[in-house]
Amino acid sequence: MTTRLSFITTNKKGLTLVEVLIALAISAIILSALYSAFATTLSTEDALTKRVEGFREYVMLSELLRSDLRCMIDKVTVRNDFYGDRIEFNTTHSLHYGYSRPVRVTYFVEDINERFVLFRQEISSTGESLMKLRLIEGIDDFKVMLFFENSWVEKAGSDDFLKVLYKYRGKRWSITGGRLI
């Protein structure tokens, strides 16, 4: 009988409290490291998504404006408006008709529900508004510069070339374009 009790008392089938606490501490450290890595990945993904969206809208706007300017019939006119500069010119690049047809194109900024929105409007040769396209919401600081005496100058007037400067999502963007000569 003595051997039997000795066998039962020396066989340890459970964990001590210290071993359980050590295992919990190691698990907590591993889980917090995994959570930190996951949170960093999510914030990096959000930042990259915002950056890509801003770049995508820049490419779309620059391609549209440059296409309009390449097909420009006469000089571009820049006027100062309340919310930023207004660009007007005649071009054969019509989005409404879908083919080469003379229209008057205007780029301008309006305040819609306390957000500045950039628009592109097409007007026919008879003065009829053909379309008003909402381009970018949340645009800030929309300015146009003309090339005057070998430098870019911020002024109202008309010219064959222009540089558009704007701020969107905290980043400054620039588009330069003009008529093919």
C-alpha atoms as a PDB file:
ATOM      1  CA  MET A   1       0.000   0.000   0.000  1.00  0.00           C
ATOM      2  CA  THR A   2       2.805   2.369   0.597  1.00  0.00           C
ATOM      3  CA  THR A   3       4.101   2.053  -2.916  1.00  0.00           C
ATOM      4  CA  ARG A   4       0.752   2.868  -4.321  1.00  0.00           C
ATOM      5  CA  LEU A   5       0.422   6.151  -2.386  1.00  0.00           C
ATOM      6  CA  SER A   6       3.939   7.092  -3.301  1.00  0.00           C
ATOM      7  CA  PHE A   7       3.136   6.628  -7.012  1.00  0.00           C
ATOM      8  CA  ILE A   8       0.003   8.806  -6.767  1.00  0.00           C
ATOM      9  CA  THR A   9       1.664  11.659  -4.929  1.00  0.00           C
ATOM     10  CA  THR A  10       4.681  11.896  -7.221  1.00  0.00           C
ATOM     11  CA  ASN A  11       2.628  11.990 -10.469  1.00  0.00           C
ATOM     12  CA  LYS A  12       1.837  15.668 -11.342  1.00  0.00           C
ATOM     13  CA  LYS A  13      -1.033  15.996 -13.785  1.00  0.00           C
ATOM     14  CA  GLY A  14      -1.865  19.741 -13.336  1.00  0.00           C
ATOM     15  CA  LEU A  15      -0.132  23.090 -13.711  1.00  0.00           C
ATOM     16  CA  THR A  16       0.937  25.256 -10.870  1.00  0.00           C
ATOM     17  CA  LEU A  17      -0.374  28.778 -10.492  1.00  0.00           C
ATOM     18  CA  VAL A  18       3.022  30.227 -11.465  1.00  0.00           C
ATOM     19  CA  GLU A  19       3.052  28.231 -14.717  1.00  0.00           C
ATOM     20  CA  VAL A  20      -0.454  29.442 -15.586  1.00  0.00           C
ATOM     21  CA  LEU A  21       0.493  33.074 -14.898  1.00  0.00           C
ATOM     22  CA  ILE A  22       3.628  32.791 -17.053  1.00  0.00           C
ATOM     23  CA  ALA A  23       1.605  31.298 -19.916  1.00  0.00           C
ATOM     24  CA  LEU A  24      -0.976  34.101 -19.628  1.00  0.00           C
ATOM     25  CA  ALA A  25       1.743  36.774 -19.629  1.00  0.00           C
ATOM     26  CA  ILE A  26       3.398  35.299 -22.737  1.00  0.00           C
ATOM     27  CA  SER A  27       0.010  35.048 -24.472  1.00  0.00           C
ATOM     28  CA  ALA A  28      -0.806  38.668 -23.600  1.00  0.00           C
ATOM     29  CA  ILE A  29       2.540  39.875 -25.009  1.00  0.00           C
ATOM     30  CA  ILE A  30       2.038  37.932 -28.240  1.00  0.00           C
ATOM     31  CA  LEU A  31      -1.569  39.142 -28.642  1.00  0.00           C
ATOM     32  CA  SER A  32      -0.630  42.791 -28.033  1.00  0.00           C
ATOM     33  CA  ALA A  33       2.159  42.547 -30.622  1.00  0.00           C
ATOM     34  CA  LEU A  34      -0.267  41.034 -33.148  1.00  0.00           C
ATOM     35  CA  TYR A  35      -2.867  43.749 -32.423  1.00  0.00           C
ATOM     36  CA  SER A  36      -0.259  46.480 -32.843  1.00  0.00           C
ATOM     37  CA  ALA A  37       0.878  45.045 -36.174  1.00  0.00           C
ATOM     38  CA  PHE A  38      -2.728  44.729 -37.366  1.00  0.00           C
ATOM     39  CA  ALA A  39      -3.586  48.328 -36.330  1.00  0.00           C
ATOM     40  CA  THR A  40      -0.475  49.647 -38.101  1.00  0.00           C
ATOM     41  CA  THR A  41      -1.403  47.747 -41.252  1.00  0.00           C
ATOM     42  CA  LEU A  42      -4.928  49.198 -41.226  1.00  0.00           C
ATOM     43  CA  SER A  43      -3.740  52.793 -40.729  1.00  0.00           C
ATOM     44  CA  THR A  44      -1.158  52.387 -43.498  1.00  0.00           C
ATOM     45  CA  GLU A  45      -3.833  51.006 -45.815  1.00  0.00           C
ATOM     46  CA  ASP A  46      -6.120  53.970 -45.064  1.00  0.00           C
ATOM     47  CA  ALA A  47      -3.340  56.468 -45.751  1.00  0.00           C
ATOM     48  CA  LEU A  48      -2.429  54.757 -49.028  1.00  0.00           C
ATOM     49  CA  THR A  49      -6.079  54.622 -50.108  1.00  0.00           C
ATOM     50  CA  LYS A  50      -6.494  58.363 -49.535  1.00  0.00           C
ATOM     51  CA  ARG A  51      -3.266  59.076 -51.389  1.00  0.00           C
ATOM     52  CA  VAL A  52      -4.287  56.896 -54.366  1.00  0.00           C
ATOM     53  CA  GLU A  53      -7.745  58.509 -54.521  1.00  0.00           C
ATOM     54  CA  GLY A  54      -6.186  61.989 -54.616  1.00  0.00           C
ATOM     55  CA  PHE A  55      -3.764  60.890 -57.316  1.00  0.00           C
ATOM     56  CA  ARG A  56      -6.536  59.225 -59.362  1.00  0.00           C
ATOM     57  CA  GLU A  57      -8.598  62.432 -59.290  1.00  0.00           C
ATOM     58  CA  TYR A  58      -5.512  64.475 -60.225  1.00  0.00           C
ATOM     59  CA  VAL A  59      -4.861  62.271 -63.272  1.00  0.00           C
ATOM     60  CA  MET A  60      -8.514  62.475 -64.344  1.00  0.00           C
ATOM     61  CA  LEU A  61      -8.617  66.268 -63.994  1.00  0.00           C
ATOM     62  CA  SER A  62      -5.255  66.836 -65.675  1.00  0.00           C
ATOM     63  CA  GLU A  63      -6.152  64.619 -68.648  1.00  0.00           C
ATOM     64  CA  LEU A  64      -9.517  66.342 -69.092  1.00  0.00           C
ATOM     65  CA  LEU A  65      -8.102  69.863 -68.795  1.00  0.00           C
ATOM     66  CA  ARG A  66      -5.162  69.130 -71.081  1.00  0.00           C
ATOM     67  CA  SER A  67      -7.472  67.573 -73.697  1.00  0.00           C
ATOM     68  CA  ASP A  68      -9.691  70.651 -73.553  1.00  0.00           C
ATOM     69  CA  LEU A  69      -6.705  72.978 -73.859  1.00  0.00           C
ATOM     70  CA  ARG A  70      -5.072  71.049 -76.734  1.00  0.00           C
ATOM     71  CA  CYS A  71      -8.267  71.491 -78.773  1.00  0.00           C
ATOM     72  CA  MET A  72      -8.665  75.141 -77.769  1.00  0.00           C
ATOM     73  CA  ILE A  73      -9.861  77.401 -80.591  1.00  0.00           C
ATOM     74  CA  ASP A  74      -8.908  80.751 -79.097  1.00  0.00           C
ATOM     75  CA  LYS A  75      -7.026  81.965 -76.018  1.00  0.00           C
ATOM     76  CA  VAL A  76      -8.055  80.946 -72.536  1.00  0.00           C
ATOM     77  CA  THR A  77      -9.587  83.675 -70.387  1.00  0.00           C
ATOM     78  CA  VAL A  78      -9.024  83.764 -66.641  1.00  0.00           C
ATOM     79  CA  ARG A  79     -11.341  85.745 -64.374  1.00  0.00           C
ATOM     80  CA  ASN A  80     -11.267  86.076 -60.607  1.00  0.00           C
ATOM     81  CA  ASP A  81     -14.409  84.762 -58.891  1.00  0.00           C
ATOM     82  CA  PHE A  82     -15.532  84.724 -55.289  1.00  0.00           C
ATOM     83  CA  TYR A  83     -14.450  81.090 -54.693  1.00  0.00           C
ATOM     84  CA  GLY A  84     -11.357  81.051 -56.920  1.00  0.00           C
ATOM     85  CA  ASP A  85     -10.379  81.659 -60.504  1.00  0.00           C
ATOM     86  CA  ARG A  86     -12.691  80.880 -63.425  1.00  0.00           C
ATOM     87  CA  ILE A  87     -11.268  79.504 -66.699  1.00  0.00           C
ATOM     88  CA  GLU A  88     -13.214  79.983 -69.953  1.00  0.00           C
ATOM     89  CA  PHE A  89     -12.333  79.111 -73.538  1.00  0.00           C
ATOM     90  CA  ASN A  90     -13.722  77.698 -76.766  1.00  0.00           C
ATOM     91  CA  THR A  91     -12.642  74.177 -77.663  1.00  0.00           C
ATOM     92  CA  THR A  92     -13.566  71.372 -80.022  1.00  0.00           C
ATOM     93  CA  HIS A  93     -13.255  68.784 -77.213  1.00  0.00           C
ATOM     94  CA  SER A  94     -16.907  68.209 -76.354  1.00  0.00           C
ATOM     95  CA  LEU A  95     -17.901  65.597 -73.775  1.00  0.00           C
ATOM     96  CA  HIS A  96     -21.594  66.232 -74.412  1.00  0.00           C
ATOM     97  CA  TYR A  97     -21.518  65.478 -78.128  1.00  0.00           C
ATOM     98  CA  GLY A  98     -18.790  62.839 -77.857  1.00  0.00           C
ATOM     99  CA  TYR A  99     -16.966  64.108 -80.934  1.00  0.00           C
ATOM    100  CA  SER A 100     -15.147  67.185 -82.181  1.00  0.00           C
ATOM    101  CA  ARG A 101     -17.609  70.067 -82.068  1.00  0.00           C
ATOM    102  CA  PRO A 102     -17.049  73.676 -80.940  1.00  0.00           C
ATOM    103  CA  VAL A 103     -18.277  74.413 -77.400  1.00  0.00           C
ATOM    104  CA  ARG A 104     -17.520  76.975 -74.704  1.00  0.00           C
ATOM    105  CA  VAL A 105     -15.936  75.300 -71.667  1.00  0.00           C
ATOM    106  CA  THR A 106     -15.755  76.844 -68.199  1.00  0.00           C
ATOM    107  CA  TYR A 107     -13.963  75.502 -65.134  1.00  0.00           C
ATOM    108  CA  PHE A 108     -15.107  77.089 -61.874  1.00  0.00           C
ATOM    109  CA  VAL A 109     -15.547  76.471 -58.142  1.00  0.00           C
ATOM    110  CA  GLU A 110     -18.868  76.676 -56.268  1.00  0.00           C
ATOM    111  CA  ASP A 111     -19.737  76.355 -52.610  1.00  0.00           C
ATOM    112  CA  ILE A 112     -22.108  73.392 -52.148  1.00  0.00           C
ATOM    113  CA  ASN A 113     -23.115  72.713 -48.522  1.00  0.00           C
ATOM    114  CA  GLU A 114     -19.980  74.452 -47.233  1.00  0.00           C
ATOM    115  CA  ARG A 115     -17.679  72.367 -49.450  1.00  0.00           C
ATOM    116  CA  PHE A 116     -15.902  73.779 -52.471  1.00  0.00           C
ATOM    117  CA  VAL A 117     -16.616  71.794 -55.633  1.00  0.00           C
ATOM    118  CA  LEU A 118     -14.816  72.130 -58.990  1.00  0.00           C
ATOM    119  CA  PHE A 119     -17.122  72.023 -62.025  1.00  0.00           C
ATOM    120  CA  ARG A 120     -16.675  71.836 -65.789  1.00  0.00           C
ATOM    121  CA  GLN A 121     -19.518  73.315 -67.819  1.00  0.00           C
ATOM    122  CA  GLU A 122     -20.096  73.077 -71.581  1.00  0.00           C
ATOM    123  CA  ILE A 123     -22.118  75.720 -73.402  1.00  0.00           C
ATOM    124  CA  SER A 124     -23.163  75.437 -77.053  1.00  0.00           C
ATOM    125  CA  SER A 125     -22.480  78.128 -79.651  1.00  0.00           C
ATOM    126  CA  THR A 126     -26.107  79.277 -79.187  1.00  0.00           C
ATOM    127  CA  GLY A 127     -25.553  79.814 -75.434  1.00  0.00           C
ATOM    128  CA  GLU A 128     -27.431  76.704 -74.289  1.00  0.00           C
ATOM    129  CA  SER A 129     -25.952  74.927 -71.271  1.00  0.00           C
ATOM    130  CA  LEU A 130     -25.192  71.396 -72.467  1.00  0.00           C
ATOM    131  CA  MET A 131     -23.767  69.831 -69.315  1.00  0.00           C
ATOM    132  CA  LYS A 132     -22.366  70.701 -65.919  1.00  0.00           C
ATOM    133  CA  LEU A 133     -19.922  68.077 -64.690  1.00  0.00           C
ATOM    134  CA  ARG A 134     -18.965  67.841 -61.010  1.00  0.00           C
ATOM    135  CA  LEU A 135     -15.234  67.078 -60.987  1.00  0.00           C
ATOM    136  CA  ILE A 136     -13.753  67.281 -57.481  1.00  0.00           C
ATOM    137  CA  GLU A 137     -15.374  67.858 -54.084  1.00  0.00           C
ATOM    138  CA  GLY A 138     -13.430  69.387 -51.229  1.00  0.00           C
ATOM    139  CA  ILE A 139     -11.044  71.418 -53.361  1.00  0.00           C
ATOM    140  CA  ASP A 140      -9.230  74.345 -51.762  1.00  0.00           C
ATOM    141  CA  ASP A 141      -7.290  77.292 -53.081  1.00  0.00           C
ATOM    142  CA  PHE A 142      -8.061  77.035 -56.846  1.00  0.00           C
ATOM    143  CA  LYS A 143      -5.752  79.460 -58.701  1.00  0.00           C
ATOM    144  CA  VAL A 144      -4.734  79.935 -62.313  1.00  0.00           C
ATOM    145  CA  MET A 145      -1.467  81.428 -63.530  1.00  0.00           C
ATOM    146  CA  LEU A 146      -0.694  82.756 -67.004  1.00  0.00           C
ATOM    147  CA  PHE A 147       2.700  82.786 -68.691  1.00  0.00           C
ATOM    148  CA  PHE A 148       3.663  86.469 -68.902  1.00  0.00           C
ATOM    149  CA  GLU A 149       7.115  87.846 -69.817  1.00  0.00           C
ATOM    150  CA  ASN A 150       8.948  84.535 -69.263  1.00  0.00           C
ATOM    151  CA  SER A 151       7.382  83.710 -65.906  1.00  0.00           C
ATOM    152  CA  TRP A 152       4.137  82.398 -64.419  1.00  0.00           C
ATOM    153  CA  VAL A 153       2.005  85.216 -63.041  1.00  0.00           C
ATOM    154  CA  GLU A 154      -1.220  85.040 -61.078  1.00  0.00           C
ATOM    155  CA  LYS A 155      -3.470  87.499 -62.913  1.00  0.00           C
ATOM    156  CA  ALA A 156      -6.697  87.761 -64.850  1.00  0.00           C
ATOM    157  CA  GLY A 157      -6.321  87.883 -68.630  1.00  0.00           C
ATOM    158  CA  SER A 158      -5.975  85.571 -71.599  1.00  0.00           C
ATOM    159  CA  ASP A 159      -3.186  83.475 -73.066  1.00  0.00           C
ATOM    160  CA  ASP A 160      -2.423  80.246 -74.943  1.00  0.00           C
ATOM    161  CA  PHE A 161      -0.952  78.494 -71.884  1.00  0.00           C
ATOM    162  CA  LEU A 162      -1.897  78.262 -68.227  1.00  0.00           C
ATOM    163  CA  LYS A 163      -0.952  76.606 -64.974  1.00  0.00           C
ATOM    164  CA  VAL A 164      -3.681  75.498 -62.568  1.00  0.00           C
ATOM    165  CA  LEU A 165      -2.773  75.272 -58.890  1.00  0.00           C
ATOM    166  CA  TYR A 166      -5.104  73.772 -56.297  1.00  0.00           C
ATOM    167  CA  LYS A 167      -5.094  72.112 -52.928  1.00  0.00           C
ATOM    168  CA  TYR A 168      -6.941  68.831 -52.443  1.00  0.00           C
ATOM    169  CA  ARG A 169      -6.913  66.636 -49.328  1.00  0.00           C
ATOM    170  CA  GLY A 170      -4.098  68.672 -47.840  1.00  0.00           C
ATOM    171  CA  LYS A 171      -1.787  68.265 -50.859  1.00  0.00           C
ATOM    172  CA  ARG A 172      -0.931  70.859 -53.495  1.00  0.00           C
ATOM    173  CA  TRP A 173      -1.391  69.871 -57.156  1.00  0.00           C
ATOM    174  CA  SER A 174      -0.342  71.602 -60.373  1.00  0.00           C
ATOM    175  CA  ILE A 175      -1.469  71.144 -63.987  1.00  0.00           C
ATOM    176  CA  THR A 176       0.172  72.931 -66.901  1.00  0.00           C
ATOM    177  CA  GLY A 177      -1.331  72.938 -70.388  1.00  0.00           C
ATOM    178  CA  GLY A 178      -2.048  74.914 -73.495  1.00  0.00           C
ATOM    179  CA  ARG A 179      -3.085  74.986 -77.087  1.00  0.00           C
ATOM    180  CA  LEU A 180      -1.176  73.024 -79.706  1.00  0.00           C
ATOM    181  CA  ILE A 181       0.372  75.560 -82.039  1.00  0.00           C
END
